[in-house]
Amino acid sequence: MKNMNVPNQLTVIRIILTPIFLALFLSDMPHHYLIGLIVFAIGSFTDFLDGKIARKKGIVTVFGQLADPVADKILTTAALLAFMQFGLCNIWIIMIVLLREFTITSFRLVATAQGIVIPANIYGKLKTISQMVFSLVIMILAELNDIGILGESFPISAVSNGLLWITAALCVVSGVIYVKQSIKLIDFSK
């Protein structure tokens, strides 16, 4: 990582933090939701920080444009899988999110093979922000529920799934917009 600029190093750190987050969140240690939340928050903050530094210093790279969204997908998908393990995320939400992510990544790979870099658009960024914020909220609720503050009657699964269905809807909207924009740039005859 010596040859990488700081934004790209932060992207790599986010990827490395993902399995650490997942292992801690899924563990049976006390306050595992809170500990997972802290690691997830650090990973999410690296996303904000790497973009801010790259734009401020004018060091936007092809690696950063391609790896940053992938690092986001890895982190946010890990959270969805962890939530599913605890009944906090419907499998269809994950299917919608993964369908969108694989479709967009496929378009990016085709574009890259043609020498075109298609960076994330504002709609994809809003989707990622909502996914990260909602994930943090769900982890806070899970911790509060686990330590008994919310009470047994609190509908944590319904609240969690409701927030994640909003993310799934944003995935569909941002994915359709991205595909429409990409079709204008990619030559599908090659």
C-alpha atoms as a PDB file:
ATOM      1  CA  MET A   1       0.000   0.000   0.000  1.00  0.00           C
ATOM      2  CA  LYS A   2       3.093   2.248   0.001  1.00  0.00           C
ATOM      3  CA  ASN A   3       2.597   3.344  -3.618  1.00  0.00           C
ATOM      4  CA  MET A   4      -1.077   4.170  -3.084  1.00  0.00           C
ATOM      5  CA  ASN A   5      -2.386   7.617  -2.341  1.00  0.00           C
ATOM      6  CA  VAL A   6      -4.315   8.152   0.906  1.00  0.00           C
ATOM      7  CA  PRO A   7      -7.831   7.857  -0.599  1.00  0.00           C
ATOM      8  CA  ASN A   8      -6.948   4.510  -2.171  1.00  0.00           C
ATOM      9  CA  GLN A   9      -5.390   3.318   1.097  1.00  0.00           C
ATOM     10  CA  LEU A  10      -8.638   4.193   2.876  1.00  0.00           C
ATOM     11  CA  THR A  11     -10.575   2.182   0.295  1.00  0.00           C
ATOM     12  CA  VAL A  12      -8.351  -0.845   0.941  1.00  0.00           C
ATOM     13  CA  ILE A  13      -8.752  -0.375   4.702  1.00  0.00           C
ATOM     14  CA  ARG A  14     -12.555  -0.440   4.234  1.00  0.00           C
ATOM     15  CA  ILE A  15     -12.256  -3.780   2.441  1.00  0.00           C
ATOM     16  CA  ILE A  16     -10.035  -5.175   5.216  1.00  0.00           C
ATOM     17  CA  LEU A  17     -12.428  -3.955   7.929  1.00  0.00           C
ATOM     18  CA  THR A  18     -15.391  -5.795   6.383  1.00  0.00           C
ATOM     19  CA  PRO A  19     -14.600  -9.363   7.532  1.00  0.00           C
ATOM     20  CA  ILE A  20     -13.549  -7.967  10.914  1.00  0.00           C
ATOM     21  CA  PHE A  21     -16.937  -6.250  11.218  1.00  0.00           C
ATOM     22  CA  LEU A  22     -18.778  -9.404  10.185  1.00  0.00           C
ATOM     23  CA  ALA A  23     -16.871 -11.653  12.596  1.00  0.00           C
ATOM     24  CA  LEU A  24     -17.447  -9.299  15.525  1.00  0.00           C
ATOM     25  CA  PHE A  25     -21.110  -8.643  14.717  1.00  0.00           C
ATOM     26  CA  LEU A  26     -21.881 -12.365  14.390  1.00  0.00           C
ATOM     27  CA  SER A  27     -19.921 -13.365  17.500  1.00  0.00           C
ATOM     28  CA  ASP A  28     -21.601 -14.248  20.762  1.00  0.00           C
ATOM     29  CA  MET A  29     -19.472 -11.905  22.861  1.00  0.00           C
ATOM     30  CA  PRO A  30     -21.271  -9.334  24.997  1.00  0.00           C
ATOM     31  CA  HIS A  31     -22.239  -6.171  23.108  1.00  0.00           C
ATOM     32  CA  HIS A  32     -21.322  -7.707  19.743  1.00  0.00           C
ATOM     33  CA  TYR A  33     -23.856  -5.427  18.036  1.00  0.00           C
ATOM     34  CA  LEU A  34     -22.184  -2.347  19.513  1.00  0.00           C
ATOM     35  CA  ILE A  35     -18.676  -3.538  18.671  1.00  0.00           C
ATOM     36  CA  GLY A  36     -19.773  -4.380  15.119  1.00  0.00           C
ATOM     37  CA  LEU A  37     -21.406  -0.963  14.873  1.00  0.00           C
ATOM     38  CA  ILE A  38     -18.130   0.752  15.808  1.00  0.00           C
ATOM     39  CA  VAL A  39     -16.155  -1.148  13.153  1.00  0.00           C
ATOM     40  CA  PHE A  40     -18.881  -0.564  10.554  1.00  0.00           C
ATOM     41  CA  ALA A  41     -18.945   3.152  11.431  1.00  0.00           C
ATOM     42  CA  ILE A  42     -15.172   3.373  10.968  1.00  0.00           C
ATOM     43  CA  GLY A  43     -15.482   1.620   7.592  1.00  0.00           C
ATOM     44  CA  SER A  44     -18.299   3.957   6.559  1.00  0.00           C
ATOM     45  CA  PHE A  45     -16.287   6.978   7.647  1.00  0.00           C
ATOM     46  CA  THR A  46     -13.378   5.891   5.417  1.00  0.00           C
ATOM     47  CA  ASP A  47     -15.808   6.119   2.485  1.00  0.00           C
ATOM     48  CA  PHE A  48     -16.635   9.720   3.316  1.00  0.00           C
ATOM     49  CA  LEU A  49     -12.992  10.559   4.015  1.00  0.00           C
ATOM     50  CA  ASP A  50     -11.442   9.003   0.909  1.00  0.00           C
ATOM     51  CA  GLY A  51     -13.813  10.861  -1.409  1.00  0.00           C
ATOM     52  CA  LYS A  52     -13.303  14.156   0.375  1.00  0.00           C
ATOM     53  CA  ILE A  53      -9.499  13.875   0.269  1.00  0.00           C
ATOM     54  CA  ALA A  54      -9.476  12.754  -3.386  1.00  0.00           C
ATOM     55  CA  ARG A  55     -11.621  15.685  -4.514  1.00  0.00           C
ATOM     56  CA  LYS A  56      -9.826  18.262  -2.352  1.00  0.00           C
ATOM     57  CA  LYS A  57      -6.354  17.233  -3.506  1.00  0.00           C
ATOM     58  CA  GLY A  58      -7.395  16.414  -7.068  1.00  0.00           C
ATOM     59  CA  ILE A  59      -6.097  12.853  -6.864  1.00  0.00           C
ATOM     60  CA  VAL A  60      -8.952  10.942  -8.437  1.00  0.00           C
ATOM     61  CA  THR A  61      -7.579   7.691  -9.873  1.00  0.00           C
ATOM     62  CA  VAL A  62      -9.014   4.908 -12.014  1.00  0.00           C
ATOM     63  CA  PHE A  63      -8.354   2.506  -9.115  1.00  0.00           C
ATOM     64  CA  GLY A  64     -10.299   4.765  -6.773  1.00  0.00           C
ATOM     65  CA  GLN A  65     -13.199   5.198  -9.187  1.00  0.00           C
ATOM     66  CA  LEU A  66     -13.518   1.430  -9.589  1.00  0.00           C
ATOM     67  CA  ALA A  67     -12.440   0.099  -6.170  1.00  0.00           C
ATOM     68  CA  ASP A  68     -14.271   2.632  -3.988  1.00  0.00           C
ATOM     69  CA  PRO A  69     -17.790   1.546  -5.039  1.00  0.00           C
ATOM     70  CA  VAL A  70     -16.741  -2.118  -4.784  1.00  0.00           C
ATOM     71  CA  ALA A  71     -15.451  -1.541  -1.233  1.00  0.00           C
ATOM     72  CA  ASP A  72     -18.790   0.072  -0.375  1.00  0.00           C
ATOM     73  CA  LYS A  73     -20.678  -2.890  -1.798  1.00  0.00           C
ATOM     74  CA  ILE A  74     -18.551  -5.348   0.181  1.00  0.00           C
ATOM     75  CA  LEU A  75     -19.130  -3.515   3.464  1.00  0.00           C
ATOM     76  CA  THR A  76     -22.854  -2.877   3.015  1.00  0.00           C
ATOM     77  CA  THR A  77     -23.560  -6.399   1.714  1.00  0.00           C
ATOM     78  CA  ALA A  78     -21.777  -7.854   4.749  1.00  0.00           C
ATOM     79  CA  ALA A  79     -24.143  -5.856   6.962  1.00  0.00           C
ATOM     80  CA  LEU A  80     -27.198  -7.149   5.087  1.00  0.00           C
ATOM     81  CA  LEU A  81     -25.981 -10.737   5.423  1.00  0.00           C
ATOM     82  CA  ALA A  82     -25.374 -10.230   9.142  1.00  0.00           C
ATOM     83  CA  PHE A  83     -28.849  -8.744   9.536  1.00  0.00           C
ATOM     84  CA  MET A  84     -30.383 -11.703   7.714  1.00  0.00           C
ATOM     85  CA  GLN A  85     -28.661 -14.049  10.169  1.00  0.00           C
ATOM     86  CA  PHE A  86     -30.564 -12.350  13.011  1.00  0.00           C
ATOM     87  CA  GLY A  87     -33.902 -12.033  11.192  1.00  0.00           C
ATOM     88  CA  LEU A  88     -33.425  -8.310  10.573  1.00  0.00           C
ATOM     89  CA  CYS A  89     -33.319  -8.454   6.763  1.00  0.00           C
ATOM     90  CA  ASN A  90     -35.568 -10.230   4.301  1.00  0.00           C
ATOM     91  CA  ILE A  91     -33.704 -12.358   1.755  1.00  0.00           C
ATOM     92  CA  TRP A  92     -35.499 -10.562  -1.109  1.00  0.00           C
ATOM     93  CA  ILE A  93     -33.921  -7.289  -0.048  1.00  0.00           C
ATOM     94  CA  ILE A  94     -30.505  -8.890  -0.388  1.00  0.00           C
ATOM     95  CA  MET A  95     -31.475 -10.355  -3.773  1.00  0.00           C
ATOM     96  CA  ILE A  96     -32.543  -6.927  -5.077  1.00  0.00           C
ATOM     97  CA  VAL A  97     -29.378  -5.276  -3.756  1.00  0.00           C
ATOM     98  CA  LEU A  98     -27.081  -7.966  -5.181  1.00  0.00           C
ATOM     99  CA  LEU A  99     -28.864  -7.963  -8.553  1.00  0.00           C
ATOM    100  CA  ARG A 100     -28.301  -4.219  -8.788  1.00  0.00           C
ATOM    101  CA  GLU A 101     -24.680  -4.439  -7.654  1.00  0.00           C
ATOM    102  CA  PHE A 102     -23.725  -7.255 -10.031  1.00  0.00           C
ATOM    103  CA  THR A 103     -25.476  -5.509 -12.929  1.00  0.00           C
ATOM    104  CA  ILE A 104     -23.674  -2.215 -12.304  1.00  0.00           C
ATOM    105  CA  THR A 105     -20.327  -3.946 -11.797  1.00  0.00           C
ATOM    106  CA  SER A 106     -20.823  -5.825 -15.086  1.00  0.00           C
ATOM    107  CA  PHE A 107     -21.507  -2.569 -16.914  1.00  0.00           C
ATOM    108  CA  ARG A 108     -18.406  -1.036 -15.316  1.00  0.00           C
ATOM    109  CA  LEU A 109     -16.240  -3.984 -16.422  1.00  0.00           C
ATOM    110  CA  VAL A 110     -17.502  -3.779 -20.007  1.00  0.00           C
ATOM    111  CA  ALA A 111     -16.880  -0.036 -20.035  1.00  0.00           C
ATOM    112  CA  THR A 112     -13.388  -0.474 -18.574  1.00  0.00           C
ATOM    113  CA  ALA A 113     -12.558  -3.048 -21.263  1.00  0.00           C
ATOM    114  CA  GLN A 114     -13.461  -0.347 -23.805  1.00  0.00           C
ATOM    115  CA  GLY A 115     -11.276   2.237 -22.063  1.00  0.00           C
ATOM    116  CA  ILE A 116     -14.222   4.026 -20.450  1.00  0.00           C
ATOM    117  CA  VAL A 117     -14.452   4.690 -16.722  1.00  0.00           C
ATOM    118  CA  ILE A 118     -17.999   5.204 -15.503  1.00  0.00           C
ATOM    119  CA  PRO A 119     -17.836   6.573 -11.956  1.00  0.00           C
ATOM    120  CA  ALA A 120     -20.631   6.278  -9.427  1.00  0.00           C
ATOM    121  CA  ASN A 121     -23.382   8.850  -9.897  1.00  0.00           C
ATOM    122  CA  ILE A 122     -25.226  10.850  -7.256  1.00  0.00           C
ATOM    123  CA  TYR A 123     -28.084   8.325  -7.134  1.00  0.00           C
ATOM    124  CA  GLY A 124     -25.706   5.469  -6.380  1.00  0.00           C
ATOM    125  CA  LYS A 125     -24.050   7.588  -3.707  1.00  0.00           C
ATOM    126  CA  LEU A 126     -27.430   8.339  -2.112  1.00  0.00           C
ATOM    127  CA  LYS A 127     -28.209   4.617  -2.148  1.00  0.00           C
ATOM    128  CA  THR A 128     -24.903   3.863  -0.429  1.00  0.00           C
ATOM    129  CA  ILE A 129     -25.365   6.614   2.161  1.00  0.00           C
ATOM    130  CA  SER A 130     -28.879   5.392   2.988  1.00  0.00           C
ATOM    131  CA  GLN A 131     -27.628   1.833   3.255  1.00  0.00           C
ATOM    132  CA  MET A 132     -24.821   2.841   5.621  1.00  0.00           C
ATOM    133  CA  VAL A 133     -27.002   5.132   7.756  1.00  0.00           C
ATOM    134  CA  PHE A 134     -29.852   2.614   7.980  1.00  0.00           C
ATOM    135  CA  SER A 135     -27.356  -0.140   8.845  1.00  0.00           C
ATOM    136  CA  LEU A 136     -25.984   1.972  11.693  1.00  0.00           C
ATOM    137  CA  VAL A 137     -29.528   2.673  12.952  1.00  0.00           C
ATOM    138  CA  ILE A 138     -30.365  -1.042  12.832  1.00  0.00           C
ATOM    139  CA  MET A 139     -27.208  -1.910  14.773  1.00  0.00           C
ATOM    140  CA  ILE A 140     -28.058   0.689  17.428  1.00  0.00           C
ATOM    141  CA  LEU A 141     -31.578  -0.734  17.719  1.00  0.00           C
ATOM    142  CA  ALA A 142     -30.197  -4.291  17.902  1.00  0.00           C
ATOM    143  CA  GLU A 143     -27.850  -3.305  20.737  1.00  0.00           C
ATOM    144  CA  LEU A 144     -30.620  -1.474  22.610  1.00  0.00           C
ATOM    145  CA  ASN A 145     -32.913  -4.456  22.129  1.00  0.00           C
ATOM    146  CA  ASP A 146     -30.200  -6.884  23.234  1.00  0.00           C
ATOM    147  CA  ILE A 147     -29.581  -5.045  26.508  1.00  0.00           C
ATOM    148  CA  GLY A 148     -33.324  -4.776  27.162  1.00  0.00           C
ATOM    149  CA  ILE A 149     -33.879  -1.046  26.716  1.00  0.00           C
ATOM    150  CA  LEU A 150     -36.436  -1.370  23.911  1.00  0.00           C
ATOM    151  CA  GLY A 151     -38.492  -4.109  25.500  1.00  0.00           C
ATOM    152  CA  GLU A 152     -39.726  -7.352  24.021  1.00  0.00           C
ATOM    153  CA  SER A 153     -42.673  -5.749  22.254  1.00  0.00           C
ATOM    154  CA  PHE A 154     -40.496  -3.462  20.105  1.00  0.00           C
ATOM    155  CA  PRO A 155     -40.904  -4.601  16.465  1.00  0.00           C
ATOM    156  CA  ILE A 156     -37.186  -4.511  15.631  1.00  0.00           C
ATOM    157  CA  SER A 157     -37.502  -6.879  12.664  1.00  0.00           C
ATOM    158  CA  ALA A 158     -40.327  -4.835  11.125  1.00  0.00           C
ATOM    159  CA  VAL A 159     -38.448  -1.552  11.619  1.00  0.00           C
ATOM    160  CA  SER A 160     -35.236  -3.015  10.236  1.00  0.00           C
ATOM    161  CA  ASN A 161     -36.918  -4.515   7.192  1.00  0.00           C
ATOM    162  CA  GLY A 162     -38.850  -1.297   6.589  1.00  0.00           C
ATOM    163  CA  LEU A 163     -35.646   0.721   6.459  1.00  0.00           C
ATOM    164  CA  LEU A 164     -33.963  -1.846   4.238  1.00  0.00           C
ATOM    165  CA  TRP A 165     -36.907  -1.944   1.818  1.00  0.00           C
ATOM    166  CA  ILE A 166     -36.321   1.791   1.340  1.00  0.00           C
ATOM    167  CA  THR A 167     -32.709   0.969   0.468  1.00  0.00           C
ATOM    168  CA  ALA A 168     -33.884  -1.748  -1.934  1.00  0.00           C
ATOM    169  CA  ALA A 169     -36.126   0.785  -3.687  1.00  0.00           C
ATOM    170  CA  LEU A 170     -33.204   3.211  -3.961  1.00  0.00           C
ATOM    171  CA  CYS A 171     -31.128   0.354  -5.409  1.00  0.00           C
ATOM    172  CA  VAL A 172     -33.663  -0.174  -8.161  1.00  0.00           C
ATOM    173  CA  VAL A 173     -33.986   3.537  -8.981  1.00  0.00           C
ATOM    174  CA  SER A 174     -30.230   4.207  -8.952  1.00  0.00           C
ATOM    175  CA  GLY A 175     -29.554   1.029 -10.922  1.00  0.00           C
ATOM    176  CA  VAL A 176     -32.032   1.921 -13.678  1.00  0.00           C
ATOM    177  CA  ILE A 177     -30.566   5.439 -13.934  1.00  0.00           C
ATOM    178  CA  TYR A 178     -27.007   4.068 -14.075  1.00  0.00           C
ATOM    179  CA  VAL A 179     -27.882   1.543 -16.791  1.00  0.00           C
ATOM    180  CA  LYS A 180     -29.639   4.235 -18.868  1.00  0.00           C
ATOM    181  CA  GLN A 181     -26.574   6.507 -18.610  1.00  0.00           C
ATOM    182  CA  SER A 182     -24.152   3.659 -19.344  1.00  0.00           C
ATOM    183  CA  ILE A 183     -25.969   2.430 -22.440  1.00  0.00           C
ATOM    184  CA  LYS A 184     -25.139   5.775 -24.092  1.00  0.00           C
ATOM    185  CA  LEU A 185     -21.394   5.258 -23.462  1.00  0.00           C
ATOM    186  CA  ILE A 186     -20.803   1.546 -24.028  1.00  0.00           C
ATOM    187  CA  ASP A 187     -20.516  -0.071 -27.452  1.00  0.00           C
ATOM    188  CA  PHE A 188     -22.362  -3.379 -27.053  1.00  0.00           C
ATOM    189  CA  SER A 189     -21.382  -4.592 -30.522  1.00  0.00           C
ATOM    190  CA  LYS A 190     -17.820  -5.334 -29.375  1.00  0.00           C
END
